[in-house]
Amino acid sequence: MEREVNEELACEQSSAEMYGNISYWHIPVLAMTADATQSSNEECRNCGMDDYVTKPFEEEQLYMAMTRFFQPDS
């Protein structure tokens, strides 16, 4: 769905106004896993996830991971 919307925006088949006046649309995905290995991290990212938190987690850990999705792009 992301890809379709972004292609429509790029080809001007849809207006950015339809999507909140943004020129690139992305739904962030945060994985939660009990596996803390590097291969698990890579697997999550290869599947298109933006970040992951390992269980058990501290509240601050989850909060910090989620706030990255709400930071304005520089």
N, C-alpha and C. Protein backbone atom coordinates (compact mmCIF):
# COMPACT_ATOMS: atom_id res chain seq x y z
N MET A 1 0.82 -1.18 0.00
CA MET A 1 0.00 0.00 0.00
C MET A 1 0.88 1.26 0.00
N GLU A 2 1.94 1.22 0.82
CA GLU A 2 2.87 2.35 0.86
C GLU A 2 3.44 2.61 -0.53
N ARG A 3 3.90 1.54 -1.15
CA ARG A 3 4.54 1.67 -2.47
C ARG A 3 3.56 2.28 -3.47
N GLU A 4 2.32 1.81 -3.48
CA GLU A 4 1.33 2.34 -4.41
C GLU A 4 1.09 3.82 -4.20
N VAL A 5 0.92 4.22 -2.95
CA VAL A 5 0.66 5.63 -2.66
C VAL A 5 1.85 6.48 -3.08
N ASN A 6 3.06 6.04 -2.75
CA ASN A 6 4.25 6.81 -3.09
C ASN A 6 4.45 6.91 -4.60
N GLU A 7 4.12 5.84 -5.33
CA GLU A 7 4.22 5.90 -6.79
C GLU A 7 3.20 6.89 -7.36
N GLU A 8 1.98 6.87 -6.80
CA GLU A 8 0.96 7.82 -7.25
C GLU A 8 1.38 9.26 -6.97
N LEU A 9 1.96 9.49 -5.81
CA LEU A 9 2.44 10.83 -5.47
C LEU A 9 3.57 11.25 -6.39
N ALA A 10 4.51 10.34 -6.66
CA ALA A 10 5.66 10.66 -7.51
C ALA A 10 5.22 10.96 -8.94
N CYS A 11 4.22 10.24 -9.43
CA CYS A 11 3.74 10.43 -10.80
C CYS A 11 2.62 11.46 -10.88
N GLU A 12 2.34 12.09 -9.74
CA GLU A 12 1.30 13.11 -9.64
C GLU A 12 -0.08 12.59 -10.03
N GLN A 13 -0.32 11.28 -9.82
CA GLN A 13 -1.64 10.70 -10.03
C GLN A 13 -2.54 11.00 -8.83
N SER A 14 -1.93 11.29 -7.68
CA SER A 14 -2.64 11.70 -6.47
C SER A 14 -1.98 12.96 -5.95
N SER A 15 -2.76 13.77 -5.26
CA SER A 15 -2.17 14.98 -4.70
C SER A 15 -1.74 14.72 -3.26
N ALA A 16 -0.71 15.42 -2.84
CA ALA A 16 -0.22 15.29 -1.47
C ALA A 16 -1.28 15.73 -0.47
N GLU A 17 -2.17 16.59 -0.89
CA GLU A 17 -3.25 17.04 0.01
C GLU A 17 -4.12 15.88 0.47
N MET A 18 -4.25 14.86 -0.38
CA MET A 18 -5.05 13.68 -0.01
C MET A 18 -4.41 12.91 1.14
N TYR A 19 -3.12 13.10 1.32
CA TYR A 19 -2.37 12.34 2.34
C TYR A 19 -1.75 13.25 3.38
N GLY A 20 -2.44 14.31 3.73
CA GLY A 20 -1.96 15.19 4.79
C GLY A 20 -0.82 16.10 4.38
N ASN A 21 -0.75 16.44 3.09
CA ASN A 21 0.28 17.34 2.56
C ASN A 21 1.70 16.81 2.77
N ILE A 22 1.88 15.52 2.61
CA ILE A 22 3.22 14.96 2.65
C ILE A 22 3.55 14.38 1.28
N SER A 23 4.80 14.46 0.91
CA SER A 23 5.18 13.99 -0.42
C SER A 23 5.68 12.55 -0.41
N TYR A 24 5.88 11.97 0.77
CA TYR A 24 6.29 10.56 0.87
C TYR A 24 5.55 9.97 2.05
N TRP A 25 4.85 8.88 1.83
CA TRP A 25 4.00 8.26 2.84
C TRP A 25 4.67 7.02 3.40
N HIS A 26 4.71 6.91 4.74
CA HIS A 26 5.35 5.75 5.38
C HIS A 26 4.65 5.42 6.69
N ILE A 27 4.32 4.15 6.88
CA ILE A 27 3.76 3.68 8.14
C ILE A 27 4.89 2.99 8.90
N PRO A 28 5.32 3.56 10.01
CA PRO A 28 6.41 2.94 10.76
C PRO A 28 5.97 1.63 11.42
N VAL A 29 6.90 0.67 11.46
CA VAL A 29 6.62 -0.63 12.07
C VAL A 29 7.70 -0.90 13.10
N LEU A 30 7.27 -1.13 14.33
CA LEU A 30 8.17 -1.45 15.44
C LEU A 30 7.93 -2.90 15.85
N ALA A 31 8.94 -3.72 15.71
CA ALA A 31 8.83 -5.14 16.09
C ALA A 31 9.14 -5.30 17.58
N MET A 32 8.57 -6.34 18.16
CA MET A 32 8.87 -6.69 19.54
C MET A 32 9.21 -8.18 19.54
N THR A 33 10.39 -8.51 20.03
CA THR A 33 10.84 -9.88 19.98
C THR A 33 11.60 -10.26 21.25
N ALA A 34 11.63 -11.54 21.55
CA ALA A 34 12.41 -12.03 22.68
C ALA A 34 13.82 -12.40 22.23
N ASP A 35 14.06 -12.37 20.93
CA ASP A 35 15.36 -12.74 20.37
C ASP A 35 16.21 -11.50 20.17
N ALA A 36 17.29 -11.39 20.91
CA ALA A 36 18.12 -10.18 20.86
C ALA A 36 19.37 -10.34 19.99
N THR A 37 19.40 -11.34 19.14
CA THR A 37 20.59 -11.56 18.32
C THR A 37 20.65 -10.58 17.15
N GLN A 38 21.85 -10.39 16.63
CA GLN A 38 22.05 -9.51 15.47
C GLN A 38 21.28 -10.03 14.27
N SER A 39 21.21 -11.35 14.11
CA SER A 39 20.48 -11.91 12.96
C SER A 39 18.99 -11.60 13.06
N SER A 40 18.45 -11.57 14.27
CA SER A 40 17.05 -11.22 14.46
C SER A 40 16.82 -9.76 14.07
N ASN A 41 17.73 -8.89 14.46
CA ASN A 41 17.66 -7.47 14.09
C ASN A 41 17.66 -7.34 12.57
N GLU A 42 18.58 -8.01 11.92
CA GLU A 42 18.68 -7.95 10.46
C GLU A 42 17.42 -8.50 9.80
N GLU A 43 16.90 -9.59 10.33
CA GLU A 43 15.69 -10.20 9.77
C GLU A 43 14.51 -9.23 9.87
N CYS A 44 14.37 -8.58 11.02
CA CYS A 44 13.29 -7.60 11.19
C CYS A 44 13.42 -6.47 10.17
N ARG A 45 14.61 -5.95 10.02
CA ARG A 45 14.83 -4.84 9.08
C ARG A 45 14.66 -5.28 7.62
N ASN A 46 15.08 -6.51 7.31
CA ASN A 46 14.90 -7.02 5.94
C ASN A 46 13.44 -7.21 5.59
N CYS A 47 12.60 -7.43 6.58
CA CYS A 47 11.16 -7.58 6.36
C CYS A 47 10.46 -6.23 6.24
N GLY A 48 11.21 -5.15 6.40
CA GLY A 48 10.64 -3.83 6.25
C GLY A 48 10.30 -3.13 7.55
N MET A 49 10.66 -3.74 8.67
CA MET A 49 10.40 -3.09 9.95
C MET A 49 11.43 -2.00 10.18
N ASP A 50 11.01 -0.94 10.85
CA ASP A 50 11.88 0.21 11.05
C ASP A 50 12.79 0.08 12.26
N ASP A 51 12.33 -0.64 13.27
CA ASP A 51 13.12 -0.80 14.49
C ASP A 51 12.54 -1.97 15.27
N TYR A 52 13.22 -2.38 16.32
CA TYR A 52 12.67 -3.44 17.16
C TYR A 52 13.13 -3.26 18.60
N VAL A 53 12.33 -3.79 19.50
CA VAL A 53 12.60 -3.77 20.93
C VAL A 53 12.60 -5.21 21.40
N THR A 54 13.58 -5.56 22.23
CA THR A 54 13.62 -6.94 22.73
C THR A 54 12.89 -7.04 24.06
N LYS A 55 12.25 -8.19 24.26
CA LYS A 55 11.55 -8.47 25.52
C LYS A 55 12.49 -9.23 26.43
N PRO A 56 12.41 -9.09 27.70
CA PRO A 56 11.61 -8.08 28.39
C PRO A 56 12.25 -6.72 28.18
N PHE A 57 11.44 -5.70 28.22
CA PHE A 57 11.94 -4.35 27.97
C PHE A 57 11.55 -3.43 29.12
N GLU A 58 12.34 -2.39 29.25
CA GLU A 58 12.03 -1.34 30.21
C GLU A 58 11.09 -0.35 29.51
N GLU A 59 10.24 0.28 30.27
CA GLU A 59 9.30 1.25 29.72
C GLU A 59 10.03 2.33 28.92
N GLU A 60 11.15 2.79 29.44
CA GLU A 60 11.93 3.84 28.78
C GLU A 60 12.44 3.38 27.41
N GLN A 61 12.82 2.10 27.31
CA GLN A 61 13.29 1.53 26.04
C GLN A 61 12.20 1.63 24.97
N LEU A 62 11.01 1.21 25.33
CA LEU A 62 9.90 1.25 24.39
C LEU A 62 9.56 2.69 24.03
N TYR A 63 9.54 3.55 25.01
CA TYR A 63 9.25 4.96 24.78
C TYR A 63 10.26 5.57 23.80
N MET A 64 11.54 5.32 24.01
CA MET A 64 12.58 5.89 23.14
C MET A 64 12.44 5.36 21.71
N ALA A 65 12.15 4.07 21.57
CA ALA A 65 11.98 3.49 20.23
C ALA A 65 10.80 4.14 19.52
N MET A 66 9.71 4.36 20.24
CA MET A 66 8.52 4.94 19.62
C MET A 66 8.69 6.43 19.30
N THR A 67 9.42 7.16 20.14
CA THR A 67 9.57 8.59 19.88
C THR A 67 10.36 8.85 18.59
N ARG A 68 11.22 7.93 18.19
CA ARG A 68 11.97 8.11 16.93
C ARG A 68 11.03 8.21 15.74
N PHE A 69 9.86 7.57 15.83
CA PHE A 69 8.90 7.64 14.72
C PHE A 69 8.21 8.98 14.63
N PHE A 70 8.26 9.76 15.70
CA PHE A 70 7.56 11.03 15.73
C PHE A 70 8.49 12.23 15.65
N GLN A 71 9.78 11.98 15.39
CA GLN A 71 10.75 13.06 15.23
C GLN A 71 10.65 13.61 13.81
N PRO A 72 10.63 14.92 13.65
CA PRO A 72 10.59 15.48 12.29
C PRO A 72 11.90 15.16 11.57
N ASP A 73 11.78 14.91 10.26
CA ASP A 73 12.98 14.66 9.44
C ASP A 73 13.81 15.93 9.37
N SER A 74 15.15 15.78 9.42
CA SER A 74 15.99 16.97 9.32
C SER A 74 16.37 17.26 7.91
